[in-house]
Amino acid sequence: MSALTVTNIKLRPMSGGNIHAFADVEFNDGELTVKSFPIVRNKDGIDFVGMPRAQNKKGEWYPTVFFSNELKKIVSDMVMDKYKEDNDGWGG
């Protein structure tokens, strides 16, 4: 298997609430796409990228994908860069 390289990031802006957008991240020209990285503003007003997760029938949240710390940082940094680049028209 080849190394994972981010080749495209698509943002879906959200209105209202703490989630400003969701990012879908494509690796290796579509070989793998991971959907729904939330871009969240915390209570201190700091934006960060969360990991995709889902809710079970009991209302508990669990992660749907696991990355190494190194890959998580790379993806988070790239998603935030794309968000900041595209954010001018979103009013975030």
C-alpha atoms as a PDB file:
ATOM      1  CA  MET A   1       0.000   0.000   0.000  1.00  0.00           C
ATOM      2  CA  SER A   2       1.258   3.443  -0.857  1.00  0.00           C
ATOM      3  CA  ALA A   3       1.592   6.265   1.672  1.00  0.00           C
ATOM      4  CA  LEU A   4      -1.494   8.416   2.228  1.00  0.00           C
ATOM      5  CA  THR A   5      -1.357  11.841   0.635  1.00  0.00           C
ATOM      6  CA  VAL A   6      -4.152  14.387   0.922  1.00  0.00           C
ATOM      7  CA  THR A   7      -5.167  15.283  -2.629  1.00  0.00           C
ATOM      8  CA  ASN A   8      -8.435  17.192  -2.107  1.00  0.00           C
ATOM      9  CA  ILE A   9     -10.476  18.770   0.688  1.00  0.00           C
ATOM     10  CA  LYS A  10     -14.139  19.696   0.224  1.00  0.00           C
ATOM     11  CA  LEU A  11     -15.819  21.908   2.810  1.00  0.00           C
ATOM     12  CA  ARG A  12     -19.534  22.019   3.571  1.00  0.00           C
ATOM     13  CA  PRO A  13     -20.380  25.177   5.555  1.00  0.00           C
ATOM     14  CA  MET A  14     -22.947  24.921   8.358  1.00  0.00           C
ATOM     15  CA  SER A  15     -25.005  27.714   9.871  1.00  0.00           C
ATOM     16  CA  GLY A  16     -25.613  28.160  13.580  1.00  0.00           C
ATOM     17  CA  GLY A  17     -24.154  26.217  16.476  1.00  0.00           C
ATOM     18  CA  ASN A  18     -20.540  25.427  17.248  1.00  0.00           C
ATOM     19  CA  ILE A  19     -19.876  23.439  14.066  1.00  0.00           C
ATOM     20  CA  HIS A  20     -18.867  25.846  11.296  1.00  0.00           C
ATOM     21  CA  ALA A  21     -18.278  23.298   8.546  1.00  0.00           C
ATOM     22  CA  PHE A  22     -17.665  19.659   7.741  1.00  0.00           C
ATOM     23  CA  ALA A  23     -14.671  18.610   5.656  1.00  0.00           C
ATOM     24  CA  ASP A  24     -14.422  15.607   3.376  1.00  0.00           C
ATOM     25  CA  VAL A  25     -10.782  14.634   2.848  1.00  0.00           C
ATOM     26  CA  GLU A  26      -9.653  12.710  -0.222  1.00  0.00           C
ATOM     27  CA  PHE A  27      -6.424  10.726  -0.146  1.00  0.00           C
ATOM     28  CA  ASN A  28      -4.362   9.479  -3.095  1.00  0.00           C
ATOM     29  CA  ASP A  29      -6.615  10.922  -5.817  1.00  0.00           C
ATOM     30  CA  GLY A  30      -9.763   9.255  -4.527  1.00  0.00           C
ATOM     31  CA  GLU A  31      -8.307   5.946  -3.396  1.00  0.00           C
ATOM     32  CA  LEU A  32      -9.778   6.759   0.039  1.00  0.00           C
ATOM     33  CA  THR A  33     -12.196   9.502   1.132  1.00  0.00           C
ATOM     34  CA  VAL A  34     -12.967  10.196   4.780  1.00  0.00           C
ATOM     35  CA  LYS A  35     -16.117  12.271   5.273  1.00  0.00           C
ATOM     36  CA  SER A  36     -17.364  14.605   7.992  1.00  0.00           C
ATOM     37  CA  PHE A  37     -14.396  16.052   9.848  1.00  0.00           C
ATOM     38  CA  PRO A  38     -16.159  18.753  11.910  1.00  0.00           C
ATOM     39  CA  ILE A  39     -14.621  22.211  12.180  1.00  0.00           C
ATOM     40  CA  VAL A  40     -15.697  23.264  15.657  1.00  0.00           C
ATOM     41  CA  ARG A  41     -15.441  26.458  17.709  1.00  0.00           C
ATOM     42  CA  ASN A  42     -14.917  25.655  21.399  1.00  0.00           C
ATOM     43  CA  LYS A  43     -16.223  27.693  24.355  1.00  0.00           C
ATOM     44  CA  ASP A  44     -13.048  29.826  24.307  1.00  0.00           C
ATOM     45  CA  GLY A  45     -13.636  30.814  20.666  1.00  0.00           C
ATOM     46  CA  ILE A  46     -10.859  28.626  19.253  1.00  0.00           C
ATOM     47  CA  ASP A  47     -11.517  26.676  16.038  1.00  0.00           C
ATOM     48  CA  PHE A  48     -10.259  23.103  15.744  1.00  0.00           C
ATOM     49  CA  VAL A  49     -10.789  20.043  13.567  1.00  0.00           C
ATOM     50  CA  GLY A  50     -12.479  17.078  15.220  1.00  0.00           C
ATOM     51  CA  MET A  51     -12.367  13.494  14.061  1.00  0.00           C
ATOM     52  CA  PRO A  52     -15.376  11.918  12.325  1.00  0.00           C
ATOM     53  CA  ARG A  53     -17.728  10.157  14.726  1.00  0.00           C
ATOM     54  CA  ALA A  54     -21.178   8.596  14.901  1.00  0.00           C
ATOM     55  CA  GLN A  55     -23.832   8.189  17.559  1.00  0.00           C
ATOM     56  CA  ASN A  56     -25.176   4.807  18.630  1.00  0.00           C
ATOM     57  CA  LYS A  57     -28.750   3.994  19.697  1.00  0.00           C
ATOM     58  CA  LYS A  58     -27.920   4.816  23.329  1.00  0.00           C
ATOM     59  CA  GLY A  59     -26.870   8.340  22.343  1.00  0.00           C
ATOM     60  CA  GLU A  60     -23.153   7.657  22.924  1.00  0.00           C
ATOM     61  CA  TRP A  61     -20.611   9.016  20.463  1.00  0.00           C
ATOM     62  CA  TYR A  62     -17.760   6.894  19.080  1.00  0.00           C
ATOM     63  CA  PRO A  63     -14.972   7.533  16.548  1.00  0.00           C
ATOM     64  CA  THR A  64     -15.468   6.140  13.033  1.00  0.00           C
ATOM     65  CA  VAL A  65     -11.856   6.433  11.898  1.00  0.00           C
ATOM     66  CA  PHE A  66      -8.507   6.259  13.665  1.00  0.00           C
ATOM     67  CA  PHE A  67      -5.349   8.060  12.523  1.00  0.00           C
ATOM     68  CA  SER A  68      -1.850   8.064  13.937  1.00  0.00           C
ATOM     69  CA  ASN A  69      -1.067  11.269  15.829  1.00  0.00           C
ATOM     70  CA  GLU A  70       1.208  12.350  12.980  1.00  0.00           C
ATOM     71  CA  LEU A  71      -1.426  11.861  10.266  1.00  0.00           C
ATOM     72  CA  LYS A  72      -4.115  13.436  12.457  1.00  0.00           C
ATOM     73  CA  LYS A  73      -1.988  16.597  12.806  1.00  0.00           C
ATOM     74  CA  ILE A  74      -1.246  16.740   9.076  1.00  0.00           C
ATOM     75  CA  VAL A  75      -4.924  16.346   8.139  1.00  0.00           C
ATOM     76  CA  SER A  76      -6.101  18.796  10.827  1.00  0.00           C
ATOM     77  CA  ASP A  77      -3.593  21.438   9.720  1.00  0.00           C
ATOM     78  CA  MET A  78      -4.548  21.041   6.055  1.00  0.00           C
ATOM     79  CA  VAL A  79      -8.285  21.207   6.796  1.00  0.00           C
ATOM     80  CA  MET A  80      -7.831  24.356   8.927  1.00  0.00           C
ATOM     81  CA  ASP A  81      -5.711  25.970   6.204  1.00  0.00           C
ATOM     82  CA  LYS A  82      -8.449  25.243   3.640  1.00  0.00           C
ATOM     83  CA  TYR A  83     -11.129  26.528   6.039  1.00  0.00           C
ATOM     84  CA  LYS A  84      -9.237  29.777   6.663  1.00  0.00           C
ATOM     85  CA  GLU A  85      -8.627  30.202   2.926  1.00  0.00           C
ATOM     86  CA  ASP A  86     -12.325  29.678   2.071  1.00  0.00           C
ATOM     87  CA  ASN A  87     -13.807  31.297   5.193  1.00  0.00           C
ATOM     88  CA  ASP A  88     -13.970  34.885   3.897  1.00  0.00           C
ATOM     89  CA  GLY A  89     -17.481  34.470   2.507  1.00  0.00           C
ATOM     90  CA  TRP A  90     -18.824  32.406   5.396  1.00  0.00           C
ATOM     91  CA  GLY A  91     -18.671  35.045   8.101  1.00  0.00           C
ATOM     92  CA  GLY A  92     -17.005  32.652  10.566  1.00  0.00           C
END
